[in-house]
Protein backbone atom coordinates (compact mmCIF):
# COMPACT_ATOMS: atom_id res chain seq x y z
CA UNK A 1 0.04 -0.01 0.01
CA UNK A 2 1.02 3.56 -0.69
CA UNK A 3 0.63 6.63 1.36
CA UNK A 4 -2.80 7.75 2.28
CA UNK A 5 -3.86 11.30 1.56
CA UNK A 6 -6.39 12.92 4.07
CA UNK A 7 -8.54 15.91 3.12
CA UNK A 8 -11.14 17.40 5.50
CA UNK A 9 -13.85 19.36 3.69
CA UNK A 10 -15.55 22.48 5.06
CA UNK A 11 -18.62 20.34 5.73
CA UNK A 12 -16.61 18.19 8.16
CA UNK A 13 -16.51 15.24 5.84
CA UNK A 14 -13.03 13.59 5.93
CA UNK A 15 -11.85 11.76 2.75
CA UNK A 16 -8.94 9.33 2.63
CA UNK A 17 -7.54 8.27 -0.62
CA UNK A 18 -4.71 6.26 -1.99
CA UNK A 19 -3.62 6.26 -5.64
CA UNK A 20 -2.57 2.82 -6.95
CA UNK A 21 -1.66 1.61 -10.37
CA UNK A 22 -4.75 -0.55 -10.74
CA UNK A 23 -7.74 -0.63 -12.97
CA UNK A 24 -10.23 -0.90 -10.12
CA UNK A 25 -11.92 1.51 -7.78
CA UNK A 26 -12.97 0.78 -4.20
CA UNK A 27 -15.21 3.09 -2.14
CA UNK A 28 -15.86 2.67 1.53
CA UNK A 29 -18.24 4.73 3.61
CA UNK A 30 -17.75 4.70 7.32
CA UNK A 31 -19.82 6.58 9.89
CA UNK A 32 -20.03 6.88 13.60
CA UNK A 33 -23.42 5.27 13.52
CA UNK A 34 -25.19 1.95 13.87
CA UNK A 35 -27.24 0.18 16.48
CA UNK A 36 -25.13 1.55 19.34
CA UNK A 37 -26.16 5.04 18.39
CA UNK A 38 -29.86 4.55 17.66
CA UNK A 39 -32.62 5.64 19.98
CA UNK A 40 -36.30 4.64 20.03
CA UNK A 41 -37.15 7.01 17.19
CA UNK A 42 -34.65 5.57 14.70
CA UNK A 43 -34.15 2.01 16.08
CA UNK A 44 -33.48 -0.51 13.41
CA UNK A 45 -32.23 1.85 10.69
CA UNK A 46 -28.61 0.49 10.68
CA UNK A 47 -29.91 -3.00 10.35
CA UNK A 48 -32.27 -1.96 7.48
CA UNK A 49 -29.36 -0.32 5.56
CA UNK A 50 -27.17 -3.29 6.14
CA UNK A 51 -29.84 -5.46 4.39
CA UNK A 52 -30.25 -3.02 1.54
CA UNK A 53 -26.37 -3.18 0.92
CA UNK A 54 -25.63 -6.86 1.48
CA UNK A 55 -28.88 -8.60 0.56
CA UNK A 56 -29.51 -6.95 -2.79
CA UNK A 57 -32.74 -5.55 -4.18
CA UNK A 58 -35.58 -6.52 -6.45
CA UNK A 59 -33.63 -5.53 -9.58
CA UNK A 60 -30.00 -6.26 -8.49
CA UNK A 61 -28.58 -9.19 -6.72
CA UNK A 62 -25.99 -9.25 -3.98
CA UNK A 63 -23.13 -9.93 -6.36
CA UNK A 64 -24.11 -7.14 -8.80
CA UNK A 65 -24.06 -4.63 -5.89
CA UNK A 66 -20.74 -6.02 -4.69
């Protein structure tokens, strides 16, 4: 792996990127969230999004999304 470059936008979003000599792109989204941060109003949202990403949808299967 090469050196990571870190950029913090005015919005507070932090972007880390690494340029490699490959013909592939990988994108990862990480957040300080999930079940540990949910309350009664939004309970279950993290699990719902997990299923949307990892289980696929009506028009795209899990492998197509991956």
